[in-house]
Amino acid sequence: MTSLEEKARRYATKAHAALDQRRKYTNESYIVHPAAVVELVRSVTDSEIMLAAAWLHDTVEDTDTTQGDIENHFGSEVAALVGMLTNTHPPEAKNRAARKVAHFQHTAQASADAQTIKLADIIDNTCSIIEFDARFARVYLVEKRVQIALLPDGNRELWQRASVIIEQGITQLMQAPYHIPSGWFQKQQQKYSFVG
């Protein structure tokens, strides 16, 4: 019999491949990202529900999959986690900061299990952002610094790892060849000061 996790892996692989979805900077098949998130989650838990949700965490947001599809195929627990991780774009959000604040508030209300998966997602997305896009990285890293502060219930080990990667990235951007002043990061972070 096929495990819940294996069913989720197959489903996510097919859903992302159907749209020929690729990683932004490397052009790899998108499924490499959920696979990396799954391995980070697996490093702290063997919960089949969480591992299945980790495989599926971007399917509702990025493919033709609906929340109902996830529930029909994987049950209410997996669907609930995927729903907590899905980035919704409220129509009233006029700019990037407003959209991000809405998403941060959404994930801040997520369960500890969903926050753990989100931390794994942040770690994988953050690892090489400076290498591929230093200009965007300065905005992205501040956003992730704000977001993880709102994920206190996630796995402590993954939270610490995410924090270290983010802070190392910001420090790297303050040094050569980037020389972004620390004040720039503080000013950027103030855009999200109403999150909480």
C-alpha atoms as a PDB file:
ATOM      1  CA  MET A   1       0.000   0.000   0.000  1.00  0.00           C
ATOM      2  CA  THR A   2       1.253   3.488  -0.894  1.00  0.00           C
ATOM      3  CA  SER A   3       2.005   5.710   2.096  1.00  0.00           C
ATOM      4  CA  LEU A   4       0.310   9.080   2.566  1.00  0.00           C
ATOM      5  CA  GLU A   5       3.639  10.804   2.045  1.00  0.00           C
ATOM      6  CA  GLU A   6       4.340   8.938  -1.203  1.00  0.00           C
ATOM      7  CA  LYS A   7       0.855   9.798  -2.487  1.00  0.00           C
ATOM      8  CA  ALA A   8       1.538  13.467  -1.665  1.00  0.00           C
ATOM      9  CA  ARG A   9       4.942  13.351  -3.391  1.00  0.00           C
ATOM     10  CA  ARG A  10       3.403  11.933  -6.552  1.00  0.00           C
ATOM     11  CA  TYR A  11       0.510  14.388  -6.478  1.00  0.00           C
ATOM     12  CA  ALA A  12       2.735  17.449  -5.967  1.00  0.00           C
ATOM     13  CA  THR A  13       5.202  16.301  -8.627  1.00  0.00           C
ATOM     14  CA  LYS A  14       2.398  15.890 -11.163  1.00  0.00           C
ATOM     15  CA  ALA A  15       0.648  19.169 -10.228  1.00  0.00           C
ATOM     16  CA  HIS A  16       3.783  21.309 -10.530  1.00  0.00           C
ATOM     17  CA  ALA A  17       4.969  19.487 -13.685  1.00  0.00           C
ATOM     18  CA  ALA A  18       1.597  19.971 -15.397  1.00  0.00           C
ATOM     19  CA  LEU A  19       2.336  23.699 -15.515  1.00  0.00           C
ATOM     20  CA  ASP A  20       6.039  23.127 -16.238  1.00  0.00           C
ATOM     21  CA  GLN A  21       6.712  25.129 -13.106  1.00  0.00           C
ATOM     22  CA  ARG A  22      10.400  25.916 -12.551  1.00  0.00           C
ATOM     23  CA  ARG A  23      12.536  27.350  -9.801  1.00  0.00           C
ATOM     24  CA  LYS A  24      13.033  31.047 -10.477  1.00  0.00           C
ATOM     25  CA  TYR A  25      16.818  31.263 -10.546  1.00  0.00           C
ATOM     26  CA  THR A  26      17.974  27.747 -11.417  1.00  0.00           C
ATOM     27  CA  ASN A  27      15.263  26.651 -13.868  1.00  0.00           C
ATOM     28  CA  GLU A  28      15.156  23.277 -12.070  1.00  0.00           C
ATOM     29  CA  SER A  29      11.849  21.437 -11.901  1.00  0.00           C
ATOM     30  CA  TYR A  30       9.862  23.094  -9.120  1.00  0.00           C
ATOM     31  CA  ILE A  31       9.492  19.853  -7.163  1.00  0.00           C
ATOM     32  CA  VAL A  32      13.086  20.201  -5.918  1.00  0.00           C
ATOM     33  CA  HIS A  33      11.792  22.886  -3.534  1.00  0.00           C
ATOM     34  CA  PRO A  34       9.030  20.825  -1.864  1.00  0.00           C
ATOM     35  CA  ALA A  35      11.504  17.913  -1.711  1.00  0.00           C
ATOM     36  CA  ALA A  36      14.009  20.076   0.191  1.00  0.00           C
ATOM     37  CA  VAL A  37      11.266  21.343   2.523  1.00  0.00           C
ATOM     38  CA  VAL A  38      10.200  17.748   3.220  1.00  0.00           C
ATOM     39  CA  GLU A  39      13.746  16.757   4.182  1.00  0.00           C
ATOM     40  CA  LEU A  40      14.020  19.699   6.590  1.00  0.00           C
ATOM     41  CA  VAL A  41      10.684  18.743   8.158  1.00  0.00           C
ATOM     42  CA  ARG A  42      11.775  15.093   8.296  1.00  0.00           C
ATOM     43  CA  SER A  43      14.868  16.154  10.282  1.00  0.00           C
ATOM     44  CA  VAL A  44      12.576  17.121  13.186  1.00  0.00           C
ATOM     45  CA  THR A  45       9.523  14.836  12.866  1.00  0.00           C
ATOM     46  CA  ASP A  46       8.301  11.623  11.274  1.00  0.00           C
ATOM     47  CA  SER A  47       4.651  12.772  11.135  1.00  0.00           C
ATOM     48  CA  GLU A  48       3.147  11.517   7.862  1.00  0.00           C
ATOM     49  CA  ILE A  49       0.564  14.306   8.010  1.00  0.00           C
ATOM     50  CA  MET A  50       3.276  16.970   8.191  1.00  0.00           C
ATOM     51  CA  LEU A  51       5.446  15.328   5.530  1.00  0.00           C
ATOM     52  CA  ALA A  52       2.481  15.063   3.169  1.00  0.00           C
ATOM     53  CA  ALA A  53       1.598  18.725   3.780  1.00  0.00           C
ATOM     54  CA  ALA A  54       5.225  19.707   3.169  1.00  0.00           C
ATOM     55  CA  TRP A  55       5.105  18.059  -0.276  1.00  0.00           C
ATOM     56  CA  LEU A  56       1.816  19.817  -1.015  1.00  0.00           C
ATOM     57  CA  HIS A  57       2.473  23.203   0.597  1.00  0.00           C
ATOM     58  CA  ASP A  58       2.605  25.186  -2.676  1.00  0.00           C
ATOM     59  CA  THR A  59       0.064  23.249  -4.746  1.00  0.00           C
ATOM     60  CA  VAL A  60      -3.022  25.334  -3.943  1.00  0.00           C
ATOM     61  CA  GLU A  61      -1.081  28.573  -4.285  1.00  0.00           C
ATOM     62  CA  ASP A  62       0.807  27.737  -7.482  1.00  0.00           C
ATOM     63  CA  THR A  63      -1.132  25.094  -9.445  1.00  0.00           C
ATOM     64  CA  ASP A  64      -4.684  24.290 -10.491  1.00  0.00           C
ATOM     65  CA  THR A  65      -5.192  22.334  -7.266  1.00  0.00           C
ATOM     66  CA  THR A  66      -7.921  23.547  -4.923  1.00  0.00           C
ATOM     67  CA  GLN A  67      -8.214  23.236  -1.169  1.00  0.00           C
ATOM     68  CA  GLY A  68     -11.071  20.808  -1.809  1.00  0.00           C
ATOM     69  CA  ASP A  69      -8.810  18.645  -3.973  1.00  0.00           C
ATOM     70  CA  ILE A  70      -6.318  18.354  -1.131  1.00  0.00           C
ATOM     71  CA  GLU A  71      -9.026  17.400   1.344  1.00  0.00           C
ATOM     72  CA  ASN A  72     -10.537  14.824  -1.030  1.00  0.00           C
ATOM     73  CA  HIS A  73      -7.188  13.147  -1.704  1.00  0.00           C
ATOM     74  CA  PHE A  74      -5.400  13.548   1.626  1.00  0.00           C
ATOM     75  CA  GLY A  75      -7.968  14.231   4.335  1.00  0.00           C
ATOM     76  CA  SER A  76      -8.865  17.184   6.521  1.00  0.00           C
ATOM     77  CA  GLU A  77      -5.665  17.268   8.600  1.00  0.00           C
ATOM     78  CA  VAL A  78      -3.353  17.599   5.606  1.00  0.00           C
ATOM     79  CA  ALA A  79      -5.766  20.041   3.948  1.00  0.00           C
ATOM     80  CA  ALA A  80      -5.857  22.195   7.091  1.00  0.00           C
ATOM     81  CA  LEU A  81      -2.052  22.441   7.142  1.00  0.00           C
ATOM     82  CA  VAL A  82      -1.888  23.278   3.424  1.00  0.00           C
ATOM     83  CA  GLY A  83      -4.557  25.947   3.946  1.00  0.00           C
ATOM     84  CA  MET A  84      -2.531  27.519   6.749  1.00  0.00           C
ATOM     85  CA  LEU A  85       0.509  27.637   4.449  1.00  0.00           C
ATOM     86  CA  THR A  86      -1.258  28.980   1.353  1.00  0.00           C
ATOM     87  CA  ASN A  87      -0.508  32.605   0.571  1.00  0.00           C
ATOM     88  CA  THR A  88      -3.784  34.400  -0.063  1.00  0.00           C
ATOM     89  CA  HIS A  89      -3.759  37.810  -1.720  1.00  0.00           C
ATOM     90  CA  PRO A  90      -6.451  40.022  -0.201  1.00  0.00           C
ATOM     91  CA  PRO A  91      -7.944  42.355  -2.829  1.00  0.00           C
ATOM     92  CA  GLU A  92      -7.366  45.378  -0.591  1.00  0.00           C
ATOM     93  CA  ALA A  93      -3.579  44.780  -0.524  1.00  0.00           C
ATOM     94  CA  LYS A  94      -2.266  47.502  -2.830  1.00  0.00           C
ATOM     95  CA  ASN A  95       1.484  46.839  -2.690  1.00  0.00           C
ATOM     96  CA  ARG A  96       4.071  44.219  -1.795  1.00  0.00           C
ATOM     97  CA  ALA A  97       4.339  45.297   1.849  1.00  0.00           C
ATOM     98  CA  ALA A  98       0.564  45.085   2.334  1.00  0.00           C
ATOM     99  CA  ARG A  99       0.421  41.646   0.660  1.00  0.00           C
ATOM    100  CA  LYS A 100       3.287  40.390   2.814  1.00  0.00           C
ATOM    101  CA  VAL A 101       1.730  41.723   6.013  1.00  0.00           C
ATOM    102  CA  ALA A 102      -1.507  39.878   5.186  1.00  0.00           C
ATOM    103  CA  HIS A 103       0.450  36.657   4.599  1.00  0.00           C
ATOM    104  CA  PHE A 104       2.530  37.101   7.774  1.00  0.00           C
ATOM    105  CA  GLN A 105      -0.639  37.543   9.825  1.00  0.00           C
ATOM    106  CA  HIS A 106      -2.112  34.437   8.170  1.00  0.00           C
ATOM    107  CA  THR A 107       0.890  32.226   9.018  1.00  0.00           C
ATOM    108  CA  ALA A 108       1.167  33.751  12.522  1.00  0.00           C
ATOM    109  CA  GLN A 109      -2.229  32.192  13.280  1.00  0.00           C
ATOM    110  CA  ALA A 110      -1.147  28.791  11.949  1.00  0.00           C
ATOM    111  CA  SER A 111      -0.694  25.713  14.117  1.00  0.00           C
ATOM    112  CA  ALA A 112       2.725  24.704  15.452  1.00  0.00           C
ATOM    113  CA  ASP A 113       2.953  21.994  12.766  1.00  0.00           C
ATOM    114  CA  ALA A 114       2.182  24.476   9.970  1.00  0.00           C
ATOM    115  CA  GLN A 115       4.679  26.970  11.419  1.00  0.00           C
ATOM    116  CA  THR A 116       7.320  24.233  11.400  1.00  0.00           C
ATOM    117  CA  ILE A 117       6.693  23.558   7.696  1.00  0.00           C
ATOM    118  CA  LYS A 118       6.780  27.307   6.994  1.00  0.00           C
ATOM    119  CA  LEU A 119      10.167  27.581   8.712  1.00  0.00           C
ATOM    120  CA  ALA A 120      11.493  24.771   6.505  1.00  0.00           C
ATOM    121  CA  ASP A 121      10.107  26.618   3.467  1.00  0.00           C
ATOM    122  CA  ILE A 122      11.854  29.833   4.545  1.00  0.00           C
ATOM    123  CA  ILE A 123      15.167  28.027   5.099  1.00  0.00           C
ATOM    124  CA  ASP A 124      15.150  26.490   1.633  1.00  0.00           C
ATOM    125  CA  ASN A 125      14.095  29.707  -0.100  1.00  0.00           C
ATOM    126  CA  THR A 126      16.625  31.815   1.805  1.00  0.00           C
ATOM    127  CA  CYS A 127      19.754  29.674   1.507  1.00  0.00           C
ATOM    128  CA  SER A 128      20.963  30.987  -1.838  1.00  0.00           C
ATOM    129  CA  ILE A 129      18.964  34.177  -2.397  1.00  0.00           C
ATOM    130  CA  ILE A 130      22.046  36.443  -2.220  1.00  0.00           C
ATOM    131  CA  GLU A 131      23.924  34.301  -4.717  1.00  0.00           C
ATOM    132  CA  PHE A 132      21.124  34.609  -7.276  1.00  0.00           C
ATOM    133  CA  ASP A 133      19.602  38.042  -6.608  1.00  0.00           C
ATOM    134  CA  ALA A 134      21.367  40.284  -4.092  1.00  0.00           C
ATOM    135  CA  ARG A 135      19.182  43.283  -4.950  1.00  0.00           C
ATOM    136  CA  PHE A 136      15.958  41.451  -4.126  1.00  0.00           C
ATOM    137  CA  ALA A 137      17.623  39.640  -1.211  1.00  0.00           C
ATOM    138  CA  ARG A 138      17.861  42.809   0.845  1.00  0.00           C
ATOM    139  CA  VAL A 139      14.059  43.203   0.798  1.00  0.00           C
ATOM    140  CA  TYR A 140      13.363  39.474   1.076  1.00  0.00           C
ATOM    141  CA  LEU A 141      15.634  38.907   4.085  1.00  0.00           C
ATOM    142  CA  VAL A 142      13.998  41.720   6.042  1.00  0.00           C
ATOM    143  CA  GLU A 143      10.592  40.245   5.254  1.00  0.00           C
ATOM    144  CA  LYS A 144      11.719  36.827   6.476  1.00  0.00           C
ATOM    145  CA  ARG A 145      13.172  38.378   9.652  1.00  0.00           C
ATOM    146  CA  VAL A 146       9.754  39.915  10.353  1.00  0.00           C
ATOM    147  CA  GLN A 147       7.914  36.704   9.463  1.00  0.00           C
ATOM    148  CA  ILE A 148       9.882  34.277  11.625  1.00  0.00           C
ATOM    149  CA  ALA A 149       9.336  36.535  14.642  1.00  0.00           C
ATOM    150  CA  LEU A 150       5.661  35.627  14.179  1.00  0.00           C
ATOM    151  CA  LEU A 151       6.329  31.870  14.061  1.00  0.00           C
ATOM    152  CA  PRO A 152       7.276  31.173  17.694  1.00  0.00           C
ATOM    153  CA  ASP A 153       5.380  27.877  17.860  1.00  0.00           C
ATOM    154  CA  GLY A 154       7.321  26.193  15.060  1.00  0.00           C
ATOM    155  CA  ASN A 155      10.113  23.732  15.757  1.00  0.00           C
ATOM    156  CA  ARG A 156      12.820  25.530  17.740  1.00  0.00           C
ATOM    157  CA  GLU A 157      15.704  23.938  15.832  1.00  0.00           C
ATOM    158  CA  LEU A 158      14.314  25.035  12.459  1.00  0.00           C
ATOM    159  CA  TRP A 159      13.462  28.474  13.851  1.00  0.00           C
ATOM    160  CA  GLN A 160      17.050  28.918  15.002  1.00  0.00           C
ATOM    161  CA  ARG A 161      18.401  27.728  11.666  1.00  0.00           C
ATOM    162  CA  ALA A 162      16.157  30.137   9.752  1.00  0.00           C
ATOM    163  CA  SER A 163      17.199  33.007  12.011  1.00  0.00           C
ATOM    164  CA  VAL A 164      20.914  32.309  11.528  1.00  0.00           C
ATOM    165  CA  ILE A 165      20.572  32.125   7.715  1.00  0.00           C
ATOM    166  CA  ILE A 166      18.603  35.386   7.606  1.00  0.00           C
ATOM    167  CA  GLU A 167      20.972  37.287   9.898  1.00  0.00           C
ATOM    168  CA  GLN A 168      24.064  35.962   8.107  1.00  0.00           C
ATOM    169  CA  GLY A 169      22.537  37.087   4.816  1.00  0.00           C
ATOM    170  CA  ILE A 170      21.850  40.593   6.117  1.00  0.00           C
ATOM    171  CA  THR A 171      25.394  40.805   7.509  1.00  0.00           C
ATOM    172  CA  GLN A 172      26.782  39.659   4.152  1.00  0.00           C
ATOM    173  CA  LEU A 173      24.839  42.408   2.360  1.00  0.00           C
ATOM    174  CA  MET A 174      26.352  45.029   4.680  1.00  0.00           C
ATOM    175  CA  GLN A 175      29.836  43.970   3.597  1.00  0.00           C
ATOM    176  CA  ALA A 176      31.742  44.141   0.288  1.00  0.00           C
ATOM    177  CA  PRO A 177      30.780  44.101  -2.505  1.00  0.00           C
ATOM    178  CA  TYR A 178      27.260  45.229  -1.485  1.00  0.00           C
ATOM    179  CA  HIS A 179      27.892  47.793   1.304  1.00  0.00           C
ATOM    180  CA  ILE A 180      24.230  48.265   2.207  1.00  0.00           C
ATOM    181  CA  PRO A 181      24.118  50.384   5.391  1.00  0.00           C
ATOM    182  CA  SER A 182      22.480  48.864   8.457  1.00  0.00           C
ATOM    183  CA  GLY A 183      20.102  51.851   8.531  1.00  0.00           C
ATOM    184  CA  TRP A 184      18.624  50.725   5.218  1.00  0.00           C
ATOM    185  CA  PHE A 185      17.544  47.417   6.774  1.00  0.00           C
ATOM    186  CA  GLN A 186      16.072  49.189   9.808  1.00  0.00           C
ATOM    187  CA  LYS A 187      14.099  51.554   7.580  1.00  0.00           C
ATOM    188  CA  GLN A 188      12.860  48.647   5.453  1.00  0.00           C
ATOM    189  CA  GLN A 189      11.757  46.734   8.544  1.00  0.00           C
ATOM    190  CA  GLN A 190       9.673  49.707   9.710  1.00  0.00           C
ATOM    191  CA  LYS A 191       7.380  49.121   6.705  1.00  0.00           C
ATOM    192  CA  TYR A 192       6.161  46.031   8.542  1.00  0.00           C
ATOM    193  CA  SER A 193       5.964  47.575  12.010  1.00  0.00           C
ATOM    194  CA  PHE A 194       2.173  47.210  12.096  1.00  0.00           C
ATOM    195  CA  VAL A 195       2.404  43.414  11.829  1.00  0.00           C
ATOM    196  CA  GLY A 196       1.405  41.488  14.917  1.00  0.00           C
END
